[in-house]
PDB file of N, CA and C in Angstrom:
ATOM      1  N   MET A   1       0.821  -1.189  -0.003  1.00  0.00           N
ATOM      2  CA  MET A   1       0.002   0.008  -0.001  1.00  0.00           C
ATOM      3  C   MET A   1       0.876   1.249  -0.001  1.00  0.00           C
ATOM      4  N   ILE A   2       1.991   1.211   0.714  1.00  0.00           N
ATOM      5  CA  ILE A   2       2.914   2.355   0.738  1.00  0.00           C
ATOM      6  C   ILE A   2       3.478   2.568  -0.666  1.00  0.00           C
ATOM      7  N   LEU A   3       3.806   1.470  -1.346  1.00  0.00           N
ATOM      8  CA  LEU A   3       4.337   1.560  -2.702  1.00  0.00           C
ATOM      9  C   LEU A   3       3.306   2.213  -3.621  1.00  0.00           C
ATOM     10  N   SER A   4       2.046   1.818  -3.523  1.00  0.00           N
ATOM     11  CA  SER A   4       0.978   2.400  -4.344  1.00  0.00           C
ATOM     12  C   SER A   4       0.831   3.893  -4.072  1.00  0.00           C
ATOM     13  N   THR A   5       0.911   4.270  -2.791  1.00  0.00           N
ATOM     14  CA  THR A   5       0.763   5.685  -2.417  1.00  0.00           C
ATOM     15  C   THR A   5       1.899   6.509  -2.995  1.00  0.00           C
ATOM     16  N   SER A   6       3.138   5.987  -2.905  1.00  0.00           N
ATOM     17  CA  SER A   6       4.261   6.758  -3.416  1.00  0.00           C
ATOM     18  C   SER A   6       4.202   6.882  -4.940  1.00  0.00           C
ATOM     19  N   ILE A   7       3.741   5.812  -5.621  1.00  0.00           N
ATOM     20  CA  ILE A   7       3.613   5.879  -7.084  1.00  0.00           C
ATOM     21  C   ILE A   7       2.520   6.883  -7.446  1.00  0.00           C
ATOM     22  N   PHE A   8       1.426   6.860  -6.680  1.00  0.00           N
ATOM     23  CA  PHE A   8       0.343   7.810  -6.902  1.00  0.00           C
ATOM     24  C   PHE A   8       0.850   9.251  -6.734  1.00  0.00           C
ATOM     25  N   THR A   9       1.635   9.502  -5.686  1.00  0.00           N
ATOM     26  CA  THR A   9       2.163  10.845  -5.419  1.00  0.00           C
ATOM     27  C   THR A   9       3.051  11.296  -6.562  1.00  0.00           C
ATOM     28  N   LYS A  10       3.925  10.398  -7.045  1.00  0.00           N
ATOM     29  CA  LYS A  10       4.796  10.760  -8.165  1.00  0.00           C
ATOM     30  C   LYS A  10       3.990  11.106  -9.421  1.00  0.00           C
ATOM     31  N   GLN A  11       2.926  10.322  -9.680  1.00  0.00           N
ATOM     32  CA  GLN A  11       2.110  10.585 -10.860  1.00  0.00           C
ATOM     33  C   GLN A  11       1.373  11.910 -10.741  1.00  0.00           C
ATOM     34  N   VAL A  12       0.899  12.236  -9.544  1.00  0.00           N
ATOM     35  CA  VAL A  12       0.195  13.509  -9.345  1.00  0.00           C
ATOM     36  C   VAL A  12       1.161  14.656  -9.547  1.00  0.00           C
ATOM     37  N   CYS A  13       2.369  14.553  -8.964  1.00  0.00           N
ATOM     38  CA  CYS A  13       3.368  15.607  -9.129  1.00  0.00           C
ATOM     39  C   CYS A  13       3.717  15.771 -10.616  1.00  0.00           C
ATOM     40  N   PHE A  14       3.869  14.663 -11.323  1.00  0.00           N
ATOM     41  CA  PHE A  14       4.197  14.701 -12.734  1.00  0.00           C
ATOM     42  C   PHE A  14       3.088  15.404 -13.505  1.00  0.00           C
ATOM     43  N   LEU A  15       1.842  15.106 -13.186  1.00  0.00           N
ATOM     44  CA  LEU A  15       0.718  15.739 -13.870  1.00  0.00           C
ATOM     45  C   LEU A  15       0.670  17.241 -13.579  1.00  0.00           C
ATOM     46  N   GLN A  16       0.959  17.598 -12.331  1.00  0.00           N
ATOM     47  CA  GLN A  16       0.922  19.023 -11.980  1.00  0.00           C
ATOM     48  C   GLN A  16       2.068  19.794 -12.660  1.00  0.00           C
ATOM     49  N   LEU A  17       3.232  19.153 -12.782  1.00  0.00           N
ATOM     50  CA  LEU A  17       4.346  19.808 -13.455  1.00  0.00           C
ATOM     51  C   LEU A  17       4.108  19.958 -14.960  1.00  0.00           C
ATOM     52  N   ASN A  18       3.365  19.031 -15.532  1.00  0.00           N
ATOM     53  CA  ASN A  18       3.125  19.069 -16.969  1.00  0.00           C
ATOM     54  C   ASN A  18       2.028  20.028 -17.386  1.00  0.00           C
ATOM     55  N   THR A  19       1.345  20.647 -16.473  1.00  0.00           N
ATOM     56  CA  THR A  19       0.329  21.634 -16.850  1.00  0.00           C
ATOM     57  C   THR A  19       1.026  22.952 -17.117  1.00  0.00           C
ATOM     58  N   SER A  20       0.619  23.628 -18.155  1.00  0.00           N
ATOM     59  CA  SER A  20       1.248  24.922 -18.472  1.00  0.00           C
ATOM     60  C   SER A  20       0.685  26.004 -17.576  1.00  0.00           C
ATOM     61  N   ARG A  21       1.298  27.172 -17.617  1.00  0.00           N
ATOM     62  CA  ARG A  21       0.872  28.259 -16.698  1.00  0.00           C
ATOM     63  C   ARG A  21      -0.537  28.733 -16.990  1.00  0.00           C
ATOM     64  N   ASN A  22      -0.925  28.757 -18.262  1.00  0.00           N
ATOM     65  CA  ASN A  22      -2.219  29.279 -18.635  1.00  0.00           C
ATOM     66  C   ASN A  22      -3.333  28.236 -18.581  1.00  0.00           C
ATOM     67  N   SER A  23      -2.962  26.973 -18.484  1.00  0.00           N
ATOM     68  CA  SER A  23      -4.011  25.933 -18.503  1.00  0.00           C
ATOM     69  C   SER A  23      -4.596  25.740 -17.110  1.00  0.00           C
ATOM     70  N   ILE A  24      -5.714  25.040 -17.097  1.00  0.00           N
ATOM     71  CA  ILE A  24      -6.381  24.760 -15.822  1.00  0.00           C
ATOM     72  C   ILE A  24      -5.616  23.642 -15.134  1.00  0.00           C
ATOM     73  N   PRO A  25      -5.349  23.743 -13.805  1.00  0.00           N
ATOM     74  CA  PRO A  25      -4.667  22.661 -13.116  1.00  0.00           C
ATOM     75  C   PRO A  25      -5.432  21.337 -13.223  1.00  0.00           C
ATOM     76  N   VAL A  26      -4.714  20.266 -13.119  1.00  0.00           N
ATOM     77  CA  VAL A  26      -5.291  18.943 -13.368  1.00  0.00           C
ATOM     78  C   VAL A  26      -6.435  18.657 -12.422  1.00  0.00           C
ATOM     79  N   PHE A  27      -6.322  18.996 -11.137  1.00  0.00           N
ATOM     80  CA  PHE A  27      -7.324  18.597 -10.160  1.00  0.00           C
ATOM     81  C   PHE A  27      -8.529  19.518 -10.132  1.00  0.00           C
ATOM     82  N   SER A  28      -8.497  20.602 -10.892  1.00  0.00           N
ATOM     83  CA  SER A  28      -9.726  21.388 -10.990  1.00  0.00           C
ATOM     84  C   SER A  28     -10.569  20.881 -12.157  1.00  0.00           C
ATOM     85  N   LYS A  29      -9.990  20.026 -12.991  1.00  0.00           N
ATOM     86  CA  LYS A  29     -10.777  19.383 -14.049  1.00  0.00           C
ATOM     87  C   LYS A  29     -11.674  18.331 -13.404  1.00  0.00           C
ATOM     88  N   PRO A  30     -12.781  17.974 -14.049  1.00  0.00           N
ATOM     89  CA  PRO A  30     -13.708  17.041 -13.402  1.00  0.00           C
ATOM     90  C   PRO A  30     -13.168  15.621 -13.265  1.00  0.00           C
ATOM     91  N   PHE A  31     -12.210  15.197 -14.066  1.00  0.00           N
ATOM     92  CA  PHE A  31     -11.665  13.842 -13.941  1.00  0.00           C
ATOM     93  C   PHE A  31     -10.191  13.846 -14.297  1.00  0.00           C
ATOM     94  N   ILE A  32      -9.488  12.876 -13.777  1.00  0.00           N
ATOM     95  CA  ILE A  32      -8.056  12.686 -14.103  1.00  0.00           C
ATOM     96  C   ILE A  32      -8.012  11.893 -15.396  1.00  0.00           C
ATOM     97  N   HIS A  33      -6.926  12.034 -16.122  1.00  0.00           N
ATOM     98  CA  HIS A  33      -6.769  11.346 -17.389  1.00  0.00           C
ATOM     99  C   HIS A  33      -6.968   9.835 -17.225  1.00  0.00           C
ATOM    100  N   PHE A  34      -7.568   9.211 -18.215  1.00  0.00           N
ATOM    101  CA  PHE A  34      -7.904   7.778 -18.156  1.00  0.00           C
ATOM    102  C   PHE A  34      -6.680   6.910 -17.904  1.00  0.00           C
ATOM    103  N   LYS A  35      -5.529   7.258 -18.480  1.00  0.00           N
ATOM    104  CA  LYS A  35      -4.322   6.441 -18.283  1.00  0.00           C
ATOM    105  C   LYS A  35      -3.917   6.394 -16.822  1.00  0.00           C
ATOM    106  N   VAL A  36      -4.052   7.521 -16.139  1.00  0.00           N
ATOM    107  CA  VAL A  36      -3.668   7.581 -14.729  1.00  0.00           C
ATOM    108  C   VAL A  36      -4.603   6.699 -13.924  1.00  0.00           C
ATOM    109  N   TRP A  37      -5.929   6.797 -14.187  1.00  0.00           N
ATOM    110  CA  TRP A  37      -6.884   5.943 -13.479  1.00  0.00           C
ATOM    111  C   TRP A  37      -6.598   4.469 -13.724  1.00  0.00           C
ATOM    112  N   ARG A  38      -6.301   4.145 -14.996  1.00  0.00           N
ATOM    113  CA  ARG A  38      -6.034   2.736 -15.329  1.00  0.00           C
ATOM    114  C   ARG A  38      -4.784   2.248 -14.611  1.00  0.00           C
ATOM    115  N   THR A  39      -3.739   3.080 -14.568  1.00  0.00           N
ATOM    116  CA  THR A  39      -2.505   2.699 -13.877  1.00  0.00           C
ATOM    117  C   THR A  39      -2.746   2.497 -12.383  1.00  0.00           C
ATOM    118  N   LEU A  40      -3.478   3.444 -11.782  1.00  0.00           N
ATOM    119  CA  LEU A  40      -3.763   3.330 -10.340  1.00  0.00           C
ATOM    120  C   LEU A  40      -4.618   2.107 -10.050  1.00  0.00           C
ATOM    121  N   TRP A  41      -5.623   1.857 -10.919  1.00  0.00           N
ATOM    122  CA  TRP A  41      -6.492   0.702 -10.709  1.00  0.00           C
ATOM    123  C   TRP A  41      -5.691  -0.595 -10.827  1.00  0.00           C
ATOM    124  N   THR A  42      -4.766  -0.641 -11.789  1.00  0.00           N
ATOM    125  CA  THR A  42      -3.932  -1.843 -11.968  1.00  0.00           C
ATOM    126  C   THR A  42      -3.085  -2.090 -10.720  1.00  0.00           C
ATOM    127  N   GLN A  43      -2.482  -1.019 -10.179  1.00  0.00           N
ATOM    128  CA  GLN A  43      -1.658  -1.173  -8.975  1.00  0.00           C
ATOM    129  C   GLN A  43      -2.508  -1.608  -7.791  1.00  0.00           C
ATOM    130  N   PHE A  44      -3.708  -1.027  -7.661  1.00  0.00           N
ATOM    131  CA  PHE A  44      -4.596  -1.388  -6.561  1.00  0.00           C
ATOM    132  C   PHE A  44      -5.021  -2.851  -6.699  1.00  0.00           C
ATOM    133  N   SER A  45      -5.354  -3.287  -7.914  1.00  0.00           N
ATOM    134  CA  SER A  45      -5.772  -4.672  -8.153  1.00  0.00           C
ATOM    135  C   SER A  45      -4.633  -5.626  -7.825  1.00  0.00           C
ATOM    136  N   ALA A  46      -3.406  -5.243  -8.196  1.00  0.00           N
ATOM    137  CA  ALA A  46      -2.254  -6.105  -7.894  1.00  0.00           C
ATOM    138  C   ALA A  46      -2.069  -6.260  -6.385  1.00  0.00           C
ATOM    139  N   CYS A  47      -2.248  -5.166  -5.624  1.00  0.00           N
ATOM    140  CA  CYS A  47      -2.134  -5.236  -4.166  1.00  0.00           C
ATOM    141  C   CYS A  47      -3.207  -6.158  -3.598  1.00  0.00           C
ATOM    142  N   CYS A  48      -4.456  -6.011  -4.083  1.00  0.00           N
ATOM    143  CA  CYS A  48      -5.560  -6.840  -3.608  1.00  0.00           C
ATOM    144  C   CYS A  48      -5.305  -8.307  -3.916  1.00  0.00           C
ATOM    145  N   LEU A  49      -4.819  -8.576  -5.131  1.00  0.00           N
ATOM    146  CA  LEU A  49      -4.537  -9.962  -5.532  1.00  0.00           C
ATOM    147  C   LEU A  49      -3.466 -10.564  -4.638  1.00  0.00           C
ATOM    148  N   PHE A  50      -2.407  -9.794  -4.339  1.00  0.00           N
ATOM    149  CA  PHE A  50      -1.343 -10.280  -3.477  1.00  0.00           C
ATOM    150  C   PHE A  50      -1.882 -10.633  -2.091  1.00  0.00           C
ATOM    151  N   HIS A  51      -2.733  -9.761  -1.522  1.00  0.00           N
ATOM    152  CA  HIS A  51      -3.296 -10.036  -0.200  1.00  0.00           C
ATOM    153  C   HIS A  51      -4.215 -11.243  -0.228  1.00  0.00           C
ATOM    154  N   LYS A  52      -4.953 -11.424  -1.334  1.00  0.00           N
ATOM    155  CA  LYS A  52      -5.821 -12.623  -1.447  1.00  0.00           C
ATOM    156  C   LYS A  52      -4.983 -13.893  -1.490  1.00  0.00           C
ATOM    157  N   VAL A  53      -3.879 -13.856  -2.243  1.00  0.00           N
ATOM    158  CA  VAL A  53      -3.017 -15.027  -2.337  1.00  0.00           C
ATOM    159  C   VAL A  53      -2.439 -15.373  -0.981  1.00  0.00           C
ATOM    160  N   VAL A  54      -1.979 -14.354  -0.244  1.00  0.00           N
ATOM    161  CA  VAL A  54      -1.431 -14.586   1.106  1.00  0.00           C
ATOM    162  C   VAL A  54      -2.506 -15.169   2.019  1.00  0.00           C
ATOM    163  N   LEU A  55      -3.724 -14.624   1.956  1.00  0.00           N
ATOM    164  CA  LEU A  55      -4.807 -15.126   2.810  1.00  0.00           C
ATOM    165  C   LEU A  55      -5.151 -16.572   2.479  1.00  0.00           C
ATOM    166  N   VAL A  56      -5.254 -16.893   1.181  1.00  0.00           N
ATOM    167  CA  VAL A  56      -5.577 -18.256   0.776  1.00  0.00           C
ATOM    168  C   VAL A  56      -4.503 -19.231   1.218  1.00  0.00           C
ATOM    169  N   CYS A  57      -3.243 -18.859   1.054  1.00  0.00           N
ATOM    170  CA  CYS A  57      -2.136 -19.724   1.513  1.00  0.00           C
ATOM    171  C   CYS A  57      -2.217 -19.947   3.011  1.00  0.00           C
ATOM    172  N   HIS A  58      -2.508 -18.885   3.749  1.00  0.00           N
ATOM    173  CA  HIS A  58      -2.595 -18.995   5.209  1.00  0.00           C
ATOM    174  C   HIS A  58      -3.738 -19.919   5.607  1.00  0.00           C
ATOM    175  N   ILE A  59      -4.883 -19.770   4.935  1.00  0.00           N
ATOM    176  CA  ILE A  59      -6.041 -20.618   5.246  1.00  0.00           C
ATOM    177  C   ILE A  59      -5.730 -22.077   4.900  1.00  0.00           C
ATOM    178  N   ASN A  60      -5.044 -22.305   3.783  1.00  0.00           N
ATOM    179  CA  ASN A  60      -4.705 -23.691   3.411  1.00  0.00           C
ATOM    180  C   ASN A  60      -3.771 -24.332   4.432  1.00  0.00           C
ATOM    181  N   VAL A  61      -2.806 -23.574   4.925  1.00  0.00           N
ATOM    182  CA  VAL A  61      -1.897 -24.094   5.960  1.00  0.00           C
ATOM    183  C   VAL A  61      -2.704 -24.407   7.217  1.00  0.00           C
ATOM    184  N   GLU A  62      -3.618 -23.488   7.546  1.00  0.00           N
ATOM    185  CA  GLU A  62      -4.472 -23.673   8.733  1.00  0.00           C
ATOM    186  C   GLU A  62      -5.303 -24.951   8.598  1.00  0.00           C
ATOM    187  N   LEU A  63      -5.879 -25.161   7.430  1.00  0.00           N
ATOM    188  CA  LEU A  63      -6.692 -26.353   7.180  1.00  0.00           C
ATOM    189  C   LEU A  63      -5.849 -27.619   7.280  1.00  0.00           C
ATOM    190  N   PHE A  64      -4.651 -27.566   6.751  1.00  0.00           N
ATOM    191  CA  PHE A  64      -3.782 -28.749   6.791  1.00  0.00           C
ATOM    192  C   PHE A  64      -3.417 -29.099   8.249  1.00  0.00           C
ATOM    193  N   LEU A  65      -3.103 -28.068   9.026  1.00  0.00           N
ATOM    194  CA  LEU A  65      -2.782 -28.308  10.439  1.00  0.00           C
ATOM    195  C   LEU A  65      -4.020 -28.818  11.200  1.00  0.00           C
ATOM    196  N   ASN A  66      -5.183 -28.273  10.844  1.00  0.00           N
ATOM    197  CA  ASN A  66      -6.434 -28.781  11.465  1.00  0.00           C
ATOM    198  C   ASN A  66      -6.618 -30.254  11.139  1.00  0.00           C
ATOM    199  N   PHE A  67      -6.382 -30.592   9.895  1.00  0.00           N
ATOM    200  CA  PHE A  67      -6.568 -31.974   9.469  1.00  0.00           C
ATOM    201  C   PHE A  67      -5.648 -32.909  10.267  1.00  0.00           C
ATOM    202  N   LEU A  68      -4.401 -32.512  10.417  1.00  0.00           N
ATOM    203  CA  LEU A  68      -3.472 -33.372  11.150  1.00  0.00           C
ATOM    204  C   LEU A  68      -3.860 -33.522  12.618  1.00  0.00           C
ATOM    205  N   SER A  69      -4.205 -32.402  13.247  1.00  0.00           N
ATOM    206  CA  SER A  69      -4.503 -32.476  14.682  1.00  0.00           C
ATOM    207  C   SER A  69      -5.848 -33.116  14.954  1.00  0.00           C
ATOM    208  N   TYR A  70      -6.877 -32.700  14.224  1.00  0.00           N
ATOM    209  CA  TYR A  70      -8.223 -33.186  14.512  1.00  0.00           C
ATOM    210  C   TYR A  70      -8.445 -34.624  14.052  1.00  0.00           C
ATOM    211  N   PHE A  71      -7.839 -34.994  12.949  1.00  0.00           N
ATOM    212  CA  PHE A  71      -8.037 -36.367  12.470  1.00  0.00           C
ATOM    213  C   PHE A  71      -7.478 -37.358  13.488  1.00  0.00           C
ATOM    214  N   LEU A  72      -6.398 -36.945  14.170  1.00  0.00           N
ATOM    215  CA  LEU A  72      -5.852 -37.813  15.206  1.00  0.00           C
ATOM    216  C   LEU A  72      -6.744 -37.847  16.445  1.00  0.00           C
ATOM    217  N   ILE A  73      -7.411 -36.743  16.751  1.00  0.00           N
ATOM    218  CA  ILE A  73      -8.263 -36.679  17.934  1.00  0.00           C
ATOM    219  C   ILE A  73      -9.614 -37.330  17.678  1.00  0.00           C
ATOM    220  N   ASN A  74     -10.262 -36.946  16.579  1.00  0.00           N
ATOM    221  CA  ASN A  74     -11.620 -37.409  16.328  1.00  0.00           C
ATOM    222  C   ASN A  74     -11.873 -37.450  14.828  1.00  0.00           C
ATOM    223  N   LYS A  75     -12.295 -38.572  14.301  1.00  0.00           N
ATOM    224  CA  LYS A  75     -12.459 -38.721  12.849  1.00  0.00           C
ATOM    225  C   LYS A  75     -13.623 -37.888  12.309  1.00  0.00           C
ATOM    226  N   PHE A  76     -14.490 -37.411  13.165  1.00  0.00           N
ATOM    227  CA  PHE A  76     -15.592 -36.552  12.720  1.00  0.00           C
ATOM    228  C   PHE A  76     -15.079 -35.289  12.053  1.00  0.00           C
ATOM    229  N   PHE A  77     -13.920 -34.813  12.491  1.00  0.00           N
ATOM    230  CA  PHE A  77     -13.412 -33.556  11.939  1.00  0.00           C
ATOM    231  C   PHE A  77     -12.953 -33.686  10.494  1.00  0.00           C
ATOM    232  N   PHE A  78     -12.739 -34.891  10.030  1.00  0.00           N
ATOM    233  CA  PHE A  78     -12.428 -35.074   8.621  1.00  0.00           C
ATOM    234  C   PHE A  78     -13.622 -34.560   7.788  1.00  0.00           C
ATOM    235  N   PHE A  79     -14.831 -34.918   8.206  1.00  0.00           N
ATOM    236  CA  PHE A  79     -16.037 -34.441   7.545  1.00  0.00           C
ATOM    237  C   PHE A  79     -16.166 -32.929   7.680  1.00  0.00           C
ATOM    238  N   HIS A  80     -15.857 -32.406   8.844  1.00  0.00           N
ATOM    239  CA  HIS A  80     -15.919 -30.959   9.082  1.00  0.00           C
ATOM    240  C   HIS A  80     -14.954 -30.204   8.178  1.00  0.00           C
ATOM    241  N   LEU A  81     -13.766 -30.744   7.990  1.00  0.00           N
ATOM    242  CA  LEU A  81     -12.796 -30.068   7.130  1.00  0.00           C
ATOM    243  C   LEU A  81     -13.195 -30.107   5.661  1.00  0.00           C
ATOM    244  N   ILE A  82     -13.785 -31.195   5.220  1.00  0.00           N
ATOM    245  CA  ILE A  82     -14.277 -31.239   3.853  1.00  0.00           C
ATOM    246  C   ILE A  82     -15.355 -30.179   3.643  1.00  0.00           C
ATOM    247  N   LEU A  83     -16.254 -30.039   4.605  1.00  0.00           N
ATOM    248  CA  LEU A  83     -17.264 -29.000   4.532  1.00  0.00           C
ATOM    249  C   LEU A  83     -16.618 -27.603   4.529  1.00  0.00           C
ATOM    250  N   SER A  84     -15.584 -27.438   5.311  1.00  0.00           N
ATOM    251  CA  SER A  84     -14.896 -26.137   5.380  1.00  0.00           C
ATOM    252  C   SER A  84     -14.276 -25.776   4.056  1.00  0.00           C
ATOM    253  N   ILE A  85     -13.717 -26.764   3.374  1.00  0.00           N
ATOM    254  CA  ILE A  85     -13.085 -26.481   2.093  1.00  0.00           C
ATOM    255  C   ILE A  85     -14.154 -26.180   1.039  1.00  0.00           C
ATOM    256  N   CYS A  86     -15.269 -26.922   1.072  1.00  0.00           N
ATOM    257  CA  CYS A  86     -16.272 -26.796   0.027  1.00  0.00           C
ATOM    258  C   CYS A  86     -17.179 -25.581   0.228  1.00  0.00           C
ATOM    259  N   HIS A  87     -17.430 -25.202   1.422  1.00  0.00           N
ATOM    260  CA  HIS A  87     -18.412 -24.160   1.681  1.00  0.00           C
ATOM    261  C   HIS A  87     -17.732 -22.855   2.034  1.00  0.00           C
ATOM    262  N   PRO A  88     -17.844 -21.821   1.181  1.00  0.00           N
ATOM    263  CA  PRO A  88     -17.084 -20.572   1.400  1.00  0.00           C
ATOM    264  C   PRO A  88     -17.445 -19.837   2.675  1.00  0.00           C
ATOM    265  N   ILE A  89     -18.705 -19.910   3.131  1.00  0.00           N
ATOM    266  CA  ILE A  89     -19.084 -19.206   4.354  1.00  0.00           C
ATOM    267  C   ILE A  89     -18.395 -19.839   5.548  1.00  0.00           C
ATOM    268  N   VAL A  90     -18.389 -21.176   5.580  1.00  0.00           N
ATOM    269  CA  VAL A  90     -17.695 -21.874   6.678  1.00  0.00           C
ATOM    270  C   VAL A  90     -16.200 -21.572   6.604  1.00  0.00           C
ATOM    271  N   LEU A  91     -15.672 -21.493   5.380  1.00  0.00           N
ATOM    272  CA  LEU A  91     -14.247 -21.205   5.211  1.00  0.00           C
ATOM    273  C   LEU A  91     -13.874 -19.838   5.754  1.00  0.00           C
ATOM    274  N   ARG A  92     -14.739 -18.855   5.547  1.00  0.00           N
ATOM    275  CA  ARG A  92     -14.445 -17.508   6.027  1.00  0.00           C
ATOM    276  C   ARG A  92     -14.406 -17.418   7.550  1.00  0.00           C
ATOM    277  N   PHE A  93     -15.273 -18.191   8.194  1.00  0.00           N
ATOM    278  CA  PHE A  93     -15.312 -18.184   9.649  1.00  0.00           C
ATOM    279  C   PHE A  93     -14.466 -19.321  10.245  1.00  0.00           C
ATOM    280  N   HIS A  94     -13.564 -19.846   9.436  1.00  0.00           N
ATOM    281  CA  HIS A  94     -12.837 -21.037   9.861  1.00  0.00           C
ATOM    282  C   HIS A  94     -11.935 -20.774  11.055  1.00  0.00           C
ATOM    283  N   PHE A  95     -11.376 -19.574  11.148  1.00  0.00           N
ATOM    284  CA  PHE A  95     -10.486 -19.274  12.269  1.00  0.00           C
ATOM    285  C   PHE A  95     -11.261 -19.307  13.586  1.00  0.00           C
ATOM    286  N   ILE A  96     -12.490 -18.743  13.576  1.00  0.00           N
ATOM    287  CA  ILE A  96     -13.312 -18.765  14.796  1.00  0.00           C
ATOM    288  C   ILE A  96     -13.669 -20.202  15.144  1.00  0.00           C
ATOM    289  N   ILE A  97     -14.096 -20.957  14.116  1.00  0.00           N
ATOM    290  CA  ILE A  97     -14.467 -22.366  14.324  1.00  0.00           C
ATOM    291  C   ILE A  97     -13.259 -23.150  14.852  1.00  0.00           C
ATOM    292  N   PHE A  98     -12.111 -22.900  14.253  1.00  0.00           N
ATOM    293  CA  PHE A  98     -10.884 -23.613  14.635  1.00  0.00           C
ATOM    294  C   PHE A  98     -10.582 -23.394  16.126  1.00  0.00           C
ATOM    295  N   HIS A  99     -10.596 -22.137  16.555  1.00  0.00           N
ATOM    296  CA  HIS A  99     -10.241 -21.861  17.951  1.00  0.00           C
ATOM    297  C   HIS A  99     -11.298 -22.402  18.907  1.00  0.00           C
ATOM    298  N   PHE A 100     -12.570 -22.294  18.525  1.00  0.00           N
ATOM    299  CA  PHE A 100     -13.637 -22.824  19.374  1.00  0.00           C
ATOM    300  C   PHE A 100     -13.489 -24.345  19.520  1.00  0.00           C
ATOM    301  N   HIS A 101     -13.286 -25.038  18.407  1.00  0.00           N
ATOM    302  CA  HIS A 101     -13.177 -26.482  18.455  1.00  0.00           C
ATOM    303  C   HIS A 101     -11.920 -26.921  19.210  1.00  0.00           C
ATOM    304  N   THR A 102     -10.848 -26.169  19.063  1.00  0.00           N
ATOM    305  CA  THR A 102      -9.623 -26.519  19.768  1.00  0.00           C
ATOM    306  C   THR A 102      -9.858 -26.511  21.280  1.00  0.00           C
ATOM    307  N   VAL A 103     -10.439 -25.428  21.776  1.00  0.00           N
ATOM    308  CA  VAL A 103     -10.689 -25.324  23.219  1.00  0.00           C
ATOM    309  C   VAL A 103     -11.700 -26.365  23.662  1.00  0.00           C
ATOM    310  N   ALA A 104     -12.806 -26.489  22.922  1.00  0.00           N
ATOM    311  CA  ALA A 104     -13.879 -27.403  23.337  1.00  0.00           C
ATOM    312  C   ALA A 104     -13.412 -28.864  23.340  1.00  0.00           C
ATOM    313  N   PHE A 105     -12.751 -29.290  22.308  1.00  0.00           N
ATOM    314  CA  PHE A 105     -12.428 -30.706  22.194  1.00  0.00           C
ATOM    315  C   PHE A 105     -11.219 -31.106  23.023  1.00  0.00           C
ATOM    316  N   HIS A 106     -10.305 -30.161  23.243  1.00  0.00           N
ATOM    317  CA  HIS A 106      -9.223 -30.471  24.193  1.00  0.00           C
ATOM    318  C   HIS A 106      -9.803 -30.628  25.589  1.00  0.00           C
ATOM    319  N   HIS A 107     -10.803 -29.799  25.886  1.00  0.00           N
ATOM    320  CA  HIS A 107     -11.477 -29.908  27.178  1.00  0.00           C
ATOM    321  C   HIS A 107     -12.179 -31.265  27.299  1.00  0.00           C
ATOM    322  N   LEU A 108     -12.860 -31.691  26.211  1.00  0.00           N
ATOM    323  CA  LEU A 108     -13.534 -32.997  26.235  1.00  0.00           C
ATOM    324  C   LEU A 108     -12.535 -34.143  26.372  1.00  0.00           C
ATOM    325  N   GLN A 109     -11.390 -33.987  25.717  1.00  0.00           N
ATOM    326  CA  GLN A 109     -10.363 -35.028  25.831  1.00  0.00           C
ATOM    327  C   GLN A 109      -9.861 -35.135  27.274  1.00  0.00           C
ATOM    328  N   LEU A 110      -9.733 -34.009  27.945  1.00  0.00           N
ATOM    329  CA  LEU A 110      -9.301 -34.012  29.340  1.00  0.00           C
ATOM    330  C   LEU A 110     -10.347 -34.676  30.233  1.00  0.00           C
ATOM    331  N   ILE A 111     -11.635 -34.404  29.941  1.00  0.00           N
ATOM    332  CA  ILE A 111     -12.709 -35.033  30.722  1.00  0.00           C
ATOM    333  C   ILE A 111     -12.696 -36.537  30.521  1.00  0.00           C
ATOM    334  N   ARG A 112     -12.541 -36.981  29.245  1.00  0.00           N
ATOM    335  CA  ARG A 112     -12.490 -38.416  28.964  1.00  0.00           C
ATOM    336  C   ARG A 112     -11.300 -39.081  29.651  1.00  0.00           C
ATOM    337  N   PHE A 113     -10.169 -38.362  29.627  1.00  0.00           N
ATOM    338  CA  PHE A 113      -8.982 -38.900  30.251  1.00  0.00           C
ATOM    339  C   PHE A 113      -9.158 -39.049  31.760  1.00  0.00           C
ATOM    340  N   ASP A 114      -9.848 -38.065  32.372  1.00  0.00           N
ATOM    341  CA  ASP A 114     -10.107 -38.131  33.820  1.00  0.00           C
ATOM    342  C   ASP A 114     -11.046 -39.260  34.197  1.00  0.00           C
ATOM    343  N   LYS A 115     -12.000 -39.594  33.326  1.00  0.00           N
ATOM    344  CA  LYS A 115     -12.963 -40.656  33.632  1.00  0.00           C
ATOM    345  C   LYS A 115     -12.310 -42.040  33.607  1.00  0.00           C
ATOM    346  N   HIS A 116     -11.268 -42.205  32.779  1.00  0.00           N
ATOM    347  CA  HIS A 116     -10.604 -43.517  32.689  1.00  0.00           C
ATOM    348  C   HIS A 116      -9.600 -43.605  33.765  1.00  0.00           C
TER     349      HIS A 116
END
């Protein structure tokens, strides 16, 4: 985001320097030149895409770790993880579900261990 801001600042300065003394300044015109908008939109889209890739990778690592831990504790979570991968709403709330299940099922495992 800092990179996008600095590129935006350079482009604005460049546009302001390129206006002649008698012409109307760039920002008093109703719109900025299409090329500038397209360049800024491309940079913004690239930043968004990068953050999406990072988020997806993080979620995939999280799911893999869930699979390893939960499959060893309880085979029911294999079904839960398949639903998490397939259903986007469950996937978005997966971090909340993960932490809730971790606390709840470790607690249940301790109760089961105490009973034996």
